[in-house]
């Protein structure tokens, strides 16, 4: 880009902050907005600015929220005796859309990863311990991802639950519904085989 197009360069660089967007993709997006979608581009810019300024985290569950306490935590219809711990707001949304779960949530905003500087403090585990100590929660559903860091985080969460006399449970992992064994990867199949359950 020439020195006369510094605004265009800034726009392309700004678009590169999005996951999976490299230089070429960012350039295509910028050109598309400028060539065909200026009005929608302005609307997008306004929505981004408002979201960045006004959306924070719920003081109770750490999910994204415009209010100090989000709608899920404030709802009287949610079961306050069950707490599901997820790694991200994306995971929370997936559970809400795919299940009939009606309990409460706690969003870690990551997983234990000392190499990335993510320890118990960064994940709000002190805050989670305080919630467990309130005595209202009977079950802690651990819904971290089945990665090495996710499993380490799950182990840590189970210990927190035991210390607070709360029953921890873990989402089941294994062969997907409708999947065929010959196409399941070895790690998933080994985990499913090792975690098999009795059939009544």
N, C-alpha and C. Protein backbone atom coordinates (compact mmCIF):
# COMPACT_ATOMS: atom_id res chain seq x y z
N UNK A 1 0.84 -1.19 0.00
CA UNK A 1 0.00 0.00 0.00
C UNK A 1 0.88 1.25 0.00
N UNK A 2 0.48 2.24 -0.75
CA UNK A 2 1.23 3.48 -0.80
C UNK A 2 0.95 4.30 0.44
N UNK A 3 1.78 5.32 0.66
CA UNK A 3 1.63 6.14 1.85
C UNK A 3 0.33 6.94 1.83
N UNK A 4 -0.27 7.12 0.62
CA UNK A 4 -1.52 7.88 0.51
C UNK A 4 -2.74 7.07 0.95
N UNK A 5 -2.57 5.78 1.22
CA UNK A 5 -3.70 4.95 1.61
C UNK A 5 -3.53 4.40 3.02
N UNK A 6 -3.08 5.25 3.92
CA UNK A 6 -2.85 4.78 5.29
C UNK A 6 -4.14 4.36 5.97
N UNK A 7 -5.29 5.00 5.64
CA UNK A 7 -6.57 4.59 6.22
C UNK A 7 -6.93 3.18 5.77
N UNK A 8 -6.68 2.88 4.49
CA UNK A 8 -6.96 1.54 3.98
C UNK A 8 -6.05 0.51 4.66
N UNK A 9 -4.79 0.86 4.81
CA UNK A 9 -3.85 -0.03 5.51
C UNK A 9 -4.31 -0.27 6.93
N UNK A 10 -4.74 0.79 7.61
CA UNK A 10 -5.23 0.65 8.98
C UNK A 10 -6.46 -0.25 9.05
N UNK A 11 -7.37 -0.11 8.07
CA UNK A 11 -8.56 -0.95 8.03
C UNK A 11 -8.19 -2.42 7.84
N UNK A 12 -7.30 -2.69 6.92
CA UNK A 12 -6.87 -4.07 6.67
C UNK A 12 -6.21 -4.66 7.91
N UNK A 13 -5.34 -3.90 8.55
CA UNK A 13 -4.68 -4.38 9.77
C UNK A 13 -5.70 -4.63 10.89
N UNK A 14 -6.71 -3.74 10.98
CA UNK A 14 -7.74 -3.90 12.01
C UNK A 14 -8.54 -5.18 11.79
N UNK A 15 -8.83 -5.52 10.53
CA UNK A 15 -9.59 -6.73 10.22
C UNK A 15 -8.79 -8.00 10.51
N UNK A 16 -7.49 -7.90 10.50
CA UNK A 16 -6.64 -9.07 10.76
C UNK A 16 -6.71 -9.55 12.20
N UNK A 17 -7.30 -8.75 13.08
CA UNK A 17 -7.42 -9.16 14.48
C UNK A 17 -8.41 -10.32 14.63
N UNK A 18 -9.30 -10.50 13.64
CA UNK A 18 -10.29 -11.57 13.72
C UNK A 18 -9.63 -12.94 13.51
N UNK A 19 -10.11 -13.98 14.22
CA UNK A 19 -9.50 -15.31 14.08
C UNK A 19 -9.65 -15.85 12.67
N UNK A 20 -8.57 -16.40 12.14
CA UNK A 20 -8.58 -17.01 10.82
C UNK A 20 -8.50 -16.03 9.67
N UNK A 21 -8.34 -14.75 9.96
CA UNK A 21 -8.27 -13.75 8.90
C UNK A 21 -6.82 -13.31 8.72
N UNK A 22 -6.25 -13.67 7.57
CA UNK A 22 -4.89 -13.27 7.25
C UNK A 22 -4.89 -12.02 6.40
N UNK A 23 -3.75 -11.66 5.87
CA UNK A 23 -3.60 -10.45 5.09
C UNK A 23 -4.49 -10.39 3.86
N UNK A 24 -4.52 -11.48 3.07
CA UNK A 24 -5.32 -11.51 1.85
C UNK A 24 -6.81 -11.42 2.16
N UNK A 25 -7.27 -12.19 3.16
CA UNK A 25 -8.68 -12.15 3.53
C UNK A 25 -9.08 -10.78 4.03
N UNK A 26 -8.23 -10.18 4.86
CA UNK A 26 -8.52 -8.84 5.39
C UNK A 26 -8.60 -7.83 4.25
N UNK A 27 -7.70 -7.95 3.27
CA UNK A 27 -7.71 -7.04 2.13
C UNK A 27 -9.01 -7.20 1.32
N UNK A 28 -9.43 -8.46 1.10
CA UNK A 28 -10.69 -8.72 0.37
C UNK A 28 -11.88 -8.11 1.11
N UNK A 29 -11.91 -8.28 2.44
CA UNK A 29 -13.00 -7.72 3.24
C UNK A 29 -13.02 -6.20 3.15
N UNK A 30 -11.87 -5.59 3.29
CA UNK A 30 -11.77 -4.13 3.23
C UNK A 30 -12.24 -3.61 1.88
N UNK A 31 -11.76 -4.22 0.80
CA UNK A 31 -12.15 -3.79 -0.55
C UNK A 31 -13.66 -3.99 -0.77
N UNK A 32 -14.19 -5.09 -0.29
CA UNK A 32 -15.63 -5.36 -0.43
C UNK A 32 -16.45 -4.28 0.28
N UNK A 33 -16.07 -3.97 1.50
CA UNK A 33 -16.80 -2.93 2.25
C UNK A 33 -16.74 -1.59 1.52
N UNK A 34 -15.57 -1.23 1.03
CA UNK A 34 -15.41 0.07 0.37
C UNK A 34 -16.08 0.12 -1.00
N UNK A 35 -16.08 -0.99 -1.71
CA UNK A 35 -16.66 -1.01 -3.06
C UNK A 35 -18.17 -1.14 -3.06
N UNK A 36 -18.72 -1.98 -2.14
CA UNK A 36 -20.13 -2.35 -2.25
C UNK A 36 -20.97 -2.15 -1.00
N UNK A 37 -20.37 -2.04 0.15
CA UNK A 37 -21.15 -2.08 1.40
C UNK A 37 -20.81 -0.93 2.34
N UNK A 38 -20.66 0.27 1.85
CA UNK A 38 -20.26 1.38 2.72
C UNK A 38 -21.28 1.63 3.83
N UNK A 39 -22.57 1.58 3.50
CA UNK A 39 -23.59 1.83 4.52
C UNK A 39 -23.56 0.74 5.59
N UNK A 40 -23.48 -0.51 5.16
CA UNK A 40 -23.40 -1.61 6.13
C UNK A 40 -22.07 -1.58 6.88
N UNK A 41 -21.03 -1.13 6.21
CA UNK A 41 -19.74 -0.99 6.88
C UNK A 41 -19.81 0.01 8.02
N UNK A 42 -20.52 1.11 7.78
CA UNK A 42 -20.71 2.11 8.84
C UNK A 42 -21.54 1.54 9.99
N UNK A 43 -22.56 0.76 9.63
CA UNK A 43 -23.37 0.11 10.66
C UNK A 43 -22.53 -0.87 11.47
N UNK A 44 -21.68 -1.64 10.77
CA UNK A 44 -20.77 -2.58 11.43
C UNK A 44 -19.83 -1.83 12.37
N UNK A 45 -19.27 -0.72 11.89
CA UNK A 45 -18.34 0.06 12.72
C UNK A 45 -19.03 0.57 13.98
N UNK A 46 -20.28 1.05 13.82
CA UNK A 46 -21.03 1.54 14.98
C UNK A 46 -21.33 0.44 15.98
N UNK A 47 -21.75 -0.72 15.45
CA UNK A 47 -22.05 -1.85 16.34
C UNK A 47 -20.81 -2.33 17.07
N UNK A 48 -19.67 -2.37 16.36
CA UNK A 48 -18.41 -2.77 16.99
C UNK A 48 -18.02 -1.80 18.10
N UNK A 49 -18.13 -0.52 17.81
CA UNK A 49 -17.75 0.48 18.83
C UNK A 49 -18.63 0.37 20.07
N UNK A 50 -19.94 0.25 19.85
CA UNK A 50 -20.86 0.12 20.99
C UNK A 50 -20.57 -1.15 21.80
N UNK A 51 -20.36 -2.25 21.09
CA UNK A 51 -20.09 -3.53 21.78
C UNK A 51 -18.80 -3.47 22.58
N UNK A 52 -17.75 -2.91 21.98
CA UNK A 52 -16.47 -2.84 22.67
C UNK A 52 -16.54 -1.96 23.91
N UNK A 53 -17.35 -0.91 23.86
CA UNK A 53 -17.46 0.02 24.98
C UNK A 53 -18.42 -0.46 26.07
N UNK A 54 -19.51 -1.15 25.67
CA UNK A 54 -20.59 -1.41 26.61
C UNK A 54 -20.71 -2.84 27.11
N UNK A 55 -20.13 -3.80 26.38
CA UNK A 55 -20.24 -5.19 26.83
C UNK A 55 -19.07 -5.53 27.74
N UNK A 56 -19.40 -5.97 28.93
CA UNK A 56 -18.39 -6.39 29.89
C UNK A 56 -18.65 -7.83 30.29
N UNK A 57 -18.34 -8.15 31.53
CA UNK A 57 -18.56 -9.51 32.04
C UNK A 57 -19.48 -9.46 33.24
N UNK A 58 -20.36 -10.45 33.32
CA UNK A 58 -21.27 -10.59 34.46
C UNK A 58 -20.44 -10.78 35.73
N UNK A 59 -20.81 -10.09 36.79
CA UNK A 59 -20.06 -10.19 38.04
C UNK A 59 -20.26 -11.54 38.74
N UNK A 60 -21.27 -12.28 38.31
CA UNK A 60 -21.57 -13.56 38.95
C UNK A 60 -20.99 -14.75 38.18
N UNK A 61 -21.19 -14.76 36.84
CA UNK A 61 -20.76 -15.93 36.06
C UNK A 61 -19.64 -15.63 35.06
N UNK A 62 -19.32 -14.36 34.83
CA UNK A 62 -18.25 -13.92 33.94
C UNK A 62 -18.61 -14.03 32.45
N UNK A 63 -19.88 -14.33 32.13
CA UNK A 63 -20.30 -14.35 30.74
C UNK A 63 -20.38 -12.90 30.24
N UNK A 64 -20.42 -12.71 28.92
CA UNK A 64 -20.56 -11.37 28.38
C UNK A 64 -21.91 -10.80 28.78
N UNK A 65 -21.91 -9.52 29.16
CA UNK A 65 -23.16 -8.89 29.59
C UNK A 65 -23.03 -7.37 29.53
N UNK A 66 -24.13 -6.71 29.20
CA UNK A 66 -24.18 -5.25 29.25
C UNK A 66 -24.49 -4.78 30.67
N UNK A 67 -25.10 -5.65 31.46
CA UNK A 67 -25.49 -5.33 32.84
C UNK A 67 -24.49 -5.95 33.81
N UNK A 68 -24.44 -5.43 35.05
CA UNK A 68 -23.54 -6.02 36.05
C UNK A 68 -23.81 -7.51 36.29
N UNK A 69 -25.11 -7.90 36.26
CA UNK A 69 -25.50 -9.31 36.39
C UNK A 69 -26.29 -9.68 35.15
N UNK A 70 -25.87 -10.73 34.45
CA UNK A 70 -26.50 -11.11 33.17
C UNK A 70 -27.90 -11.68 33.38
N UNK A 71 -28.62 -11.80 32.28
CA UNK A 71 -29.98 -12.31 32.32
C UNK A 71 -30.09 -13.73 32.84
N UNK A 72 -29.11 -14.58 32.53
CA UNK A 72 -29.14 -15.97 33.02
C UNK A 72 -29.00 -16.03 34.53
N UNK A 73 -28.10 -15.24 35.08
CA UNK A 73 -27.89 -15.24 36.53
C UNK A 73 -29.06 -14.58 37.27
N UNK A 74 -29.68 -13.59 36.65
CA UNK A 74 -30.78 -12.87 37.27
C UNK A 74 -32.10 -13.63 37.19
N UNK A 75 -32.19 -14.60 36.28
CA UNK A 75 -33.45 -15.31 36.06
C UNK A 75 -33.84 -16.17 37.26
N UNK A 76 -35.08 -16.00 37.71
CA UNK A 76 -35.59 -16.79 38.84
C UNK A 76 -35.95 -18.21 38.41
N UNK A 77 -36.03 -18.45 37.09
CA UNK A 77 -36.43 -19.78 36.60
C UNK A 77 -35.26 -20.75 36.46
N UNK A 78 -34.03 -20.27 36.68
CA UNK A 78 -32.86 -21.16 36.57
C UNK A 78 -32.65 -21.89 37.89
N UNK A 79 -32.20 -23.15 37.80
CA UNK A 79 -31.92 -23.97 38.98
C UNK A 79 -30.61 -23.50 39.62
N UNK A 80 -30.68 -22.97 40.81
CA UNK A 80 -29.50 -22.42 41.49
C UNK A 80 -28.67 -23.49 42.22
N UNK A 81 -29.11 -24.74 42.15
CA UNK A 81 -28.39 -25.82 42.83
C UNK A 81 -27.40 -26.54 41.91
N UNK A 82 -27.43 -26.19 40.61
CA UNK A 82 -26.55 -26.83 39.64
C UNK A 82 -25.75 -25.74 38.92
N UNK A 83 -24.43 -25.92 38.86
CA UNK A 83 -23.56 -24.93 38.22
C UNK A 83 -22.70 -25.63 37.17
N UNK A 84 -22.76 -25.15 35.94
CA UNK A 84 -21.99 -25.72 34.84
C UNK A 84 -20.82 -24.79 34.54
N UNK A 85 -19.61 -25.34 34.56
CA UNK A 85 -18.41 -24.55 34.29
C UNK A 85 -17.96 -24.81 32.86
N UNK A 86 -17.84 -23.73 32.08
CA UNK A 86 -17.41 -23.82 30.68
C UNK A 86 -16.18 -22.95 30.47
N UNK A 87 -15.47 -23.22 29.38
CA UNK A 87 -14.26 -22.45 29.09
C UNK A 87 -14.55 -21.08 28.49
N UNK A 88 -15.62 -20.97 27.70
CA UNK A 88 -15.85 -19.71 26.98
C UNK A 88 -17.33 -19.43 26.81
N UNK A 89 -17.68 -18.17 26.51
CA UNK A 89 -19.08 -17.84 26.21
C UNK A 89 -19.61 -18.64 25.01
N UNK A 90 -18.74 -19.02 24.09
CA UNK A 90 -19.15 -19.84 22.95
C UNK A 90 -19.66 -21.20 23.43
N UNK A 91 -18.96 -21.79 24.40
CA UNK A 91 -19.38 -23.08 24.95
C UNK A 91 -20.72 -22.96 25.66
N UNK A 92 -20.91 -21.86 26.40
CA UNK A 92 -22.18 -21.61 27.08
C UNK A 92 -23.31 -21.54 26.06
N UNK A 93 -23.10 -20.80 24.99
CA UNK A 93 -24.12 -20.67 23.95
C UNK A 93 -24.45 -22.02 23.32
N UNK A 94 -23.44 -22.85 23.10
CA UNK A 94 -23.66 -24.18 22.51
C UNK A 94 -24.53 -25.04 23.42
N UNK A 95 -24.26 -25.02 24.72
CA UNK A 95 -25.04 -25.81 25.67
C UNK A 95 -26.48 -25.30 25.73
N UNK A 96 -26.64 -23.99 25.75
CA UNK A 96 -27.99 -23.40 25.79
C UNK A 96 -28.80 -23.78 24.55
N UNK A 97 -28.15 -23.82 23.39
CA UNK A 97 -28.86 -24.11 22.14
C UNK A 97 -29.14 -25.59 21.95
N UNK A 98 -28.27 -26.45 22.49
CA UNK A 98 -28.37 -27.88 22.18
C UNK A 98 -29.01 -28.72 23.28
N UNK A 99 -29.16 -28.17 24.47
CA UNK A 99 -29.66 -28.98 25.59
C UNK A 99 -30.82 -28.29 26.28
N UNK A 100 -31.40 -29.01 27.22
CA UNK A 100 -32.47 -28.43 28.04
C UNK A 100 -31.96 -28.01 29.40
N UNK A 101 -30.66 -27.80 29.51
CA UNK A 101 -30.05 -27.43 30.79
C UNK A 101 -30.66 -26.14 31.32
N UNK A 102 -31.09 -26.14 32.58
CA UNK A 102 -31.73 -24.96 33.18
C UNK A 102 -31.01 -24.47 34.42
N UNK A 103 -29.78 -24.90 34.63
CA UNK A 103 -29.02 -24.45 35.79
C UNK A 103 -28.27 -23.16 35.52
N UNK A 104 -27.29 -22.88 36.37
CA UNK A 104 -26.48 -21.68 36.27
C UNK A 104 -25.15 -22.02 35.60
N UNK A 105 -24.37 -21.00 35.30
CA UNK A 105 -23.08 -21.17 34.62
C UNK A 105 -21.97 -20.42 35.35
N UNK A 106 -20.74 -20.84 35.03
CA UNK A 106 -19.54 -20.06 35.38
C UNK A 106 -18.60 -20.18 34.18
N UNK A 107 -18.19 -19.03 33.65
CA UNK A 107 -17.35 -19.01 32.44
C UNK A 107 -15.90 -18.70 32.84
N UNK A 108 -15.00 -19.62 32.54
CA UNK A 108 -13.60 -19.47 32.91
C UNK A 108 -12.85 -18.44 32.05
N UNK A 109 -13.31 -18.24 30.82
CA UNK A 109 -12.62 -17.38 29.85
C UNK A 109 -11.21 -17.91 29.58
N UNK A 110 -11.11 -19.23 29.47
CA UNK A 110 -9.83 -19.88 29.18
C UNK A 110 -9.75 -21.22 29.87
N UNK A 111 -8.53 -21.74 29.96
CA UNK A 111 -8.27 -22.99 30.67
C UNK A 111 -6.87 -22.91 31.24
N UNK A 112 -6.60 -23.68 32.26
CA UNK A 112 -5.29 -23.65 32.89
C UNK A 112 -4.20 -23.90 31.85
N UNK A 113 -3.29 -22.95 31.71
CA UNK A 113 -2.21 -23.06 30.74
C UNK A 113 -1.07 -22.16 31.20
N UNK A 114 -0.22 -22.67 32.10
CA UNK A 114 0.88 -21.85 32.64
C UNK A 114 1.76 -21.23 31.55
N UNK A 115 1.97 -21.94 30.44
CA UNK A 115 2.81 -21.41 29.36
C UNK A 115 2.21 -20.15 28.74
N UNK A 116 0.86 -20.05 28.77
CA UNK A 116 0.17 -18.88 28.23
C UNK A 116 -0.15 -17.85 29.31
N UNK A 117 0.34 -18.10 30.53
CA UNK A 117 0.09 -17.17 31.63
C UNK A 117 -1.33 -17.26 32.19
N UNK A 118 -1.99 -18.40 31.99
CA UNK A 118 -3.34 -18.58 32.50
C UNK A 118 -3.32 -19.54 33.68
N UNK A 119 -3.42 -18.96 34.88
CA UNK A 119 -3.47 -19.75 36.10
C UNK A 119 -4.82 -19.62 36.76
N UNK A 120 -4.98 -20.14 37.97
CA UNK A 120 -6.27 -20.07 38.68
C UNK A 120 -6.82 -18.65 38.83
N UNK A 121 -5.95 -17.70 39.05
CA UNK A 121 -6.40 -16.32 39.24
C UNK A 121 -7.03 -15.75 37.97
N UNK A 122 -6.38 -15.99 36.82
CA UNK A 122 -6.88 -15.47 35.55
C UNK A 122 -8.22 -16.11 35.16
N UNK A 123 -8.47 -17.33 35.62
CA UNK A 123 -9.70 -18.03 35.29
C UNK A 123 -10.82 -17.76 36.30
N UNK A 124 -10.55 -16.93 37.30
CA UNK A 124 -11.57 -16.58 38.28
C UNK A 124 -11.90 -17.71 39.24
N UNK A 125 -10.94 -18.61 39.47
CA UNK A 125 -11.24 -19.77 40.31
C UNK A 125 -11.41 -19.41 41.78
N UNK A 126 -10.85 -18.28 42.20
CA UNK A 126 -11.12 -17.78 43.55
C UNK A 126 -12.59 -17.40 43.69
N UNK A 127 -13.11 -16.73 42.67
CA UNK A 127 -14.52 -16.34 42.64
C UNK A 127 -15.42 -17.58 42.62
N UNK A 128 -15.01 -18.59 41.84
CA UNK A 128 -15.77 -19.83 41.79
C UNK A 128 -15.78 -20.52 43.15
N UNK A 129 -14.65 -20.54 43.84
CA UNK A 129 -14.57 -21.14 45.18
C UNK A 129 -15.54 -20.46 46.13
N UNK A 130 -15.63 -19.13 46.03
CA UNK A 130 -16.56 -18.38 46.88
C UNK A 130 -18.00 -18.78 46.60
N UNK A 131 -18.33 -18.95 45.31
CA UNK A 131 -19.70 -19.38 44.96
C UNK A 131 -20.00 -20.77 45.52
N UNK A 132 -19.03 -21.66 45.42
CA UNK A 132 -19.23 -23.01 45.94
C UNK A 132 -19.39 -23.00 47.46
N UNK A 133 -18.66 -22.10 48.12
CA UNK A 133 -18.70 -22.01 49.59
C UNK A 133 -20.02 -21.43 50.10
N UNK A 134 -20.80 -20.80 49.24
CA UNK A 134 -22.08 -20.24 49.66
C UNK A 134 -23.05 -21.33 50.10
N UNK A 135 -22.82 -22.57 49.68
CA UNK A 135 -23.63 -23.70 50.12
C UNK A 135 -24.90 -23.94 49.33
N UNK A 136 -25.15 -23.17 48.29
CA UNK A 136 -26.37 -23.31 47.50
C UNK A 136 -26.23 -24.37 46.41
N UNK A 137 -25.00 -24.62 45.96
CA UNK A 137 -24.76 -25.52 44.82
C UNK A 137 -24.56 -26.95 45.29
N UNK A 138 -25.31 -27.87 44.67
CA UNK A 138 -25.20 -29.30 44.98
C UNK A 138 -24.31 -30.05 43.99
N UNK A 139 -24.34 -29.60 42.72
CA UNK A 139 -23.58 -30.29 41.68
C UNK A 139 -22.82 -29.28 40.82
N UNK A 140 -21.55 -29.59 40.56
CA UNK A 140 -20.73 -28.79 39.66
C UNK A 140 -20.50 -29.61 38.40
N UNK A 141 -21.09 -29.17 37.29
CA UNK A 141 -20.91 -29.87 36.01
C UNK A 141 -19.69 -29.28 35.33
N UNK A 142 -18.68 -30.10 35.10
CA UNK A 142 -17.44 -29.64 34.49
C UNK A 142 -17.53 -29.89 32.99
N UNK A 143 -17.61 -28.80 32.22
CA UNK A 143 -17.80 -28.90 30.77
C UNK A 143 -16.62 -28.28 30.02
N UNK A 144 -15.40 -28.59 30.49
CA UNK A 144 -14.22 -28.13 29.77
C UNK A 144 -13.97 -29.06 28.59
N UNK A 145 -13.21 -28.57 27.62
CA UNK A 145 -12.94 -29.34 26.41
C UNK A 145 -11.98 -30.50 26.69
N UNK A 146 -12.07 -31.59 25.92
CA UNK A 146 -11.21 -32.76 26.16
C UNK A 146 -9.81 -32.59 25.56
N UNK A 147 -9.13 -31.51 25.93
CA UNK A 147 -7.75 -31.28 25.54
C UNK A 147 -6.88 -31.52 26.78
N UNK A 148 -5.58 -31.49 26.62
CA UNK A 148 -4.69 -31.68 27.76
C UNK A 148 -4.95 -30.60 28.81
N UNK A 149 -5.03 -29.33 28.35
CA UNK A 149 -5.29 -28.24 29.29
C UNK A 149 -6.69 -28.33 29.88
N UNK A 150 -7.67 -28.74 29.04
CA UNK A 150 -9.04 -28.88 29.51
C UNK A 150 -9.17 -29.96 30.58
N UNK A 151 -8.44 -31.07 30.40
CA UNK A 151 -8.47 -32.15 31.39
C UNK A 151 -7.79 -31.71 32.69
N UNK A 152 -6.68 -30.98 32.58
CA UNK A 152 -6.01 -30.46 33.79
C UNK A 152 -6.93 -29.50 34.53
N UNK A 153 -7.64 -28.67 33.78
CA UNK A 153 -8.58 -27.73 34.38
C UNK A 153 -9.72 -28.48 35.06
N UNK A 154 -10.21 -29.54 34.40
CA UNK A 154 -11.29 -30.35 34.97
C UNK A 154 -10.87 -30.98 36.28
N UNK A 155 -9.65 -31.48 36.33
CA UNK A 155 -9.13 -32.08 37.57
C UNK A 155 -9.08 -31.03 38.69
N UNK A 156 -8.62 -29.85 38.38
CA UNK A 156 -8.53 -28.76 39.37
C UNK A 156 -9.94 -28.39 39.86
N UNK A 157 -10.89 -28.31 38.93
CA UNK A 157 -12.26 -27.95 39.30
C UNK A 157 -12.89 -29.02 40.19
N UNK A 158 -12.61 -30.29 39.89
CA UNK A 158 -13.14 -31.38 40.72
C UNK A 158 -12.61 -31.28 42.14
N UNK A 159 -11.33 -30.92 42.29
CA UNK A 159 -10.76 -30.74 43.62
C UNK A 159 -11.45 -29.60 44.37
N UNK A 160 -11.70 -28.48 43.66
CA UNK A 160 -12.42 -27.36 44.28
C UNK A 160 -13.79 -27.81 44.77
N UNK A 161 -14.49 -28.58 43.94
CA UNK A 161 -15.83 -29.05 44.30
C UNK A 161 -15.78 -29.95 45.53
N UNK A 162 -14.83 -30.89 45.56
CA UNK A 162 -14.71 -31.80 46.71
C UNK A 162 -14.45 -31.03 48.00
N UNK A 163 -13.58 -30.01 47.92
CA UNK A 163 -13.27 -29.22 49.11
C UNK A 163 -14.51 -28.48 49.64
N UNK A 164 -15.43 -28.16 48.75
CA UNK A 164 -16.65 -27.43 49.15
C UNK A 164 -17.83 -28.39 49.39
N UNK A 165 -17.55 -29.69 49.40
CA UNK A 165 -18.60 -30.71 49.56
C UNK A 165 -19.69 -30.60 48.49
N UNK A 166 -19.26 -30.33 47.28
CA UNK A 166 -20.15 -30.26 46.13
C UNK A 166 -19.80 -31.44 45.22
N UNK A 167 -20.83 -32.10 44.68
CA UNK A 167 -20.60 -33.26 43.81
C UNK A 167 -20.18 -32.79 42.43
N UNK A 168 -18.95 -33.17 42.00
CA UNK A 168 -18.54 -32.82 40.63
C UNK A 168 -18.98 -33.88 39.63
N UNK A 169 -19.35 -33.46 38.43
CA UNK A 169 -19.63 -34.39 37.35
C UNK A 169 -18.95 -33.84 36.11
N UNK A 170 -18.70 -34.72 35.15
CA UNK A 170 -17.95 -34.35 33.94
C UNK A 170 -18.78 -34.73 32.72
N UNK A 171 -18.79 -33.87 31.71
CA UNK A 171 -19.47 -34.23 30.48
C UNK A 171 -18.85 -35.50 29.91
N UNK A 172 -19.69 -36.36 29.35
CA UNK A 172 -19.20 -37.59 28.73
C UNK A 172 -18.51 -37.24 27.41
N UNK A 173 -17.46 -37.98 27.09
CA UNK A 173 -16.74 -37.81 25.83
C UNK A 173 -16.61 -39.18 25.19
N UNK A 174 -16.65 -39.22 23.90
CA UNK A 174 -16.46 -40.51 23.24
C UNK A 174 -17.02 -40.54 21.84
N UNK A 175 -17.56 -41.69 21.46
CA UNK A 175 -18.04 -41.91 20.11
C UNK A 175 -19.25 -41.01 19.86
N UNK A 176 -19.22 -40.20 18.78
CA UNK A 176 -20.35 -39.31 18.51
C UNK A 176 -21.59 -40.08 18.09
N UNK A 177 -22.76 -39.53 18.41
CA UNK A 177 -24.02 -40.13 18.02
C UNK A 177 -24.09 -40.23 16.50
N UNK A 178 -24.37 -41.43 16.01
CA UNK A 178 -24.43 -41.64 14.57
C UNK A 178 -23.07 -41.98 13.96
N UNK A 179 -22.01 -41.96 14.78
CA UNK A 179 -20.67 -42.26 14.28
C UNK A 179 -20.44 -43.75 14.15
N UNK A 180 -19.50 -44.13 13.31
CA UNK A 180 -19.13 -45.52 13.13
C UNK A 180 -17.73 -45.72 13.67
N UNK A 181 -17.54 -46.81 14.42
CA UNK A 181 -16.28 -47.05 15.13
C UNK A 181 -15.06 -47.01 14.21
N UNK A 182 -15.20 -47.52 12.99
CA UNK A 182 -14.03 -47.59 12.11
C UNK A 182 -13.52 -46.20 11.72
N UNK A 183 -14.38 -45.17 11.85
CA UNK A 183 -13.99 -43.82 11.45
C UNK A 183 -13.62 -42.91 12.63
N UNK A 184 -13.78 -43.43 13.85
CA UNK A 184 -13.46 -42.64 15.05
C UNK A 184 -11.96 -42.69 15.29
N UNK A 185 -11.36 -41.53 15.62
CA UNK A 185 -9.91 -41.51 15.84
C UNK A 185 -9.54 -42.34 17.08
N UNK A 186 -8.29 -42.77 17.13
CA UNK A 186 -7.83 -43.70 18.18
C UNK A 186 -7.97 -43.13 19.57
N UNK A 187 -7.63 -41.84 19.75
CA UNK A 187 -7.72 -41.23 21.08
C UNK A 187 -9.15 -41.19 21.60
N UNK A 188 -10.08 -40.80 20.73
CA UNK A 188 -11.49 -40.73 21.12
C UNK A 188 -12.02 -42.12 21.44
N UNK A 189 -11.67 -43.11 20.62
CA UNK A 189 -12.13 -44.47 20.84
C UNK A 189 -11.55 -45.04 22.13
N UNK A 190 -10.27 -44.78 22.40
CA UNK A 190 -9.65 -45.27 23.63
C UNK A 190 -10.32 -44.63 24.85
N UNK A 191 -10.63 -43.33 24.77
CA UNK A 191 -11.28 -42.64 25.89
C UNK A 191 -12.68 -43.20 26.10
N UNK A 192 -13.42 -43.40 25.02
CA UNK A 192 -14.77 -43.94 25.12
C UNK A 192 -14.75 -45.35 25.70
N UNK A 193 -13.78 -46.16 25.28
CA UNK A 193 -13.69 -47.54 25.76
C UNK A 193 -13.34 -47.56 27.24
N UNK A 194 -12.41 -46.69 27.64
CA UNK A 194 -12.02 -46.63 29.05
C UNK A 194 -13.08 -46.06 29.97
N UNK A 195 -14.00 -45.26 29.40
CA UNK A 195 -15.05 -44.63 30.20
C UNK A 195 -16.41 -45.31 30.03
N UNK A 196 -16.37 -46.56 29.59
CA UNK A 196 -17.64 -47.27 29.36
C UNK A 196 -18.45 -47.39 30.66
N UNK A 197 -19.76 -47.50 30.51
CA UNK A 197 -20.67 -47.57 31.65
C UNK A 197 -21.50 -48.84 31.59
N UNK A 198 -22.01 -49.25 32.75
CA UNK A 198 -22.87 -50.42 32.80
C UNK A 198 -24.21 -50.11 32.13
N UNK A 199 -24.81 -51.12 31.53
CA UNK A 199 -26.12 -50.99 30.91
C UNK A 199 -27.15 -51.71 31.77
N UNK A 200 -28.21 -50.99 32.12
CA UNK A 200 -29.26 -51.59 32.97
C UNK A 200 -30.18 -52.48 32.18
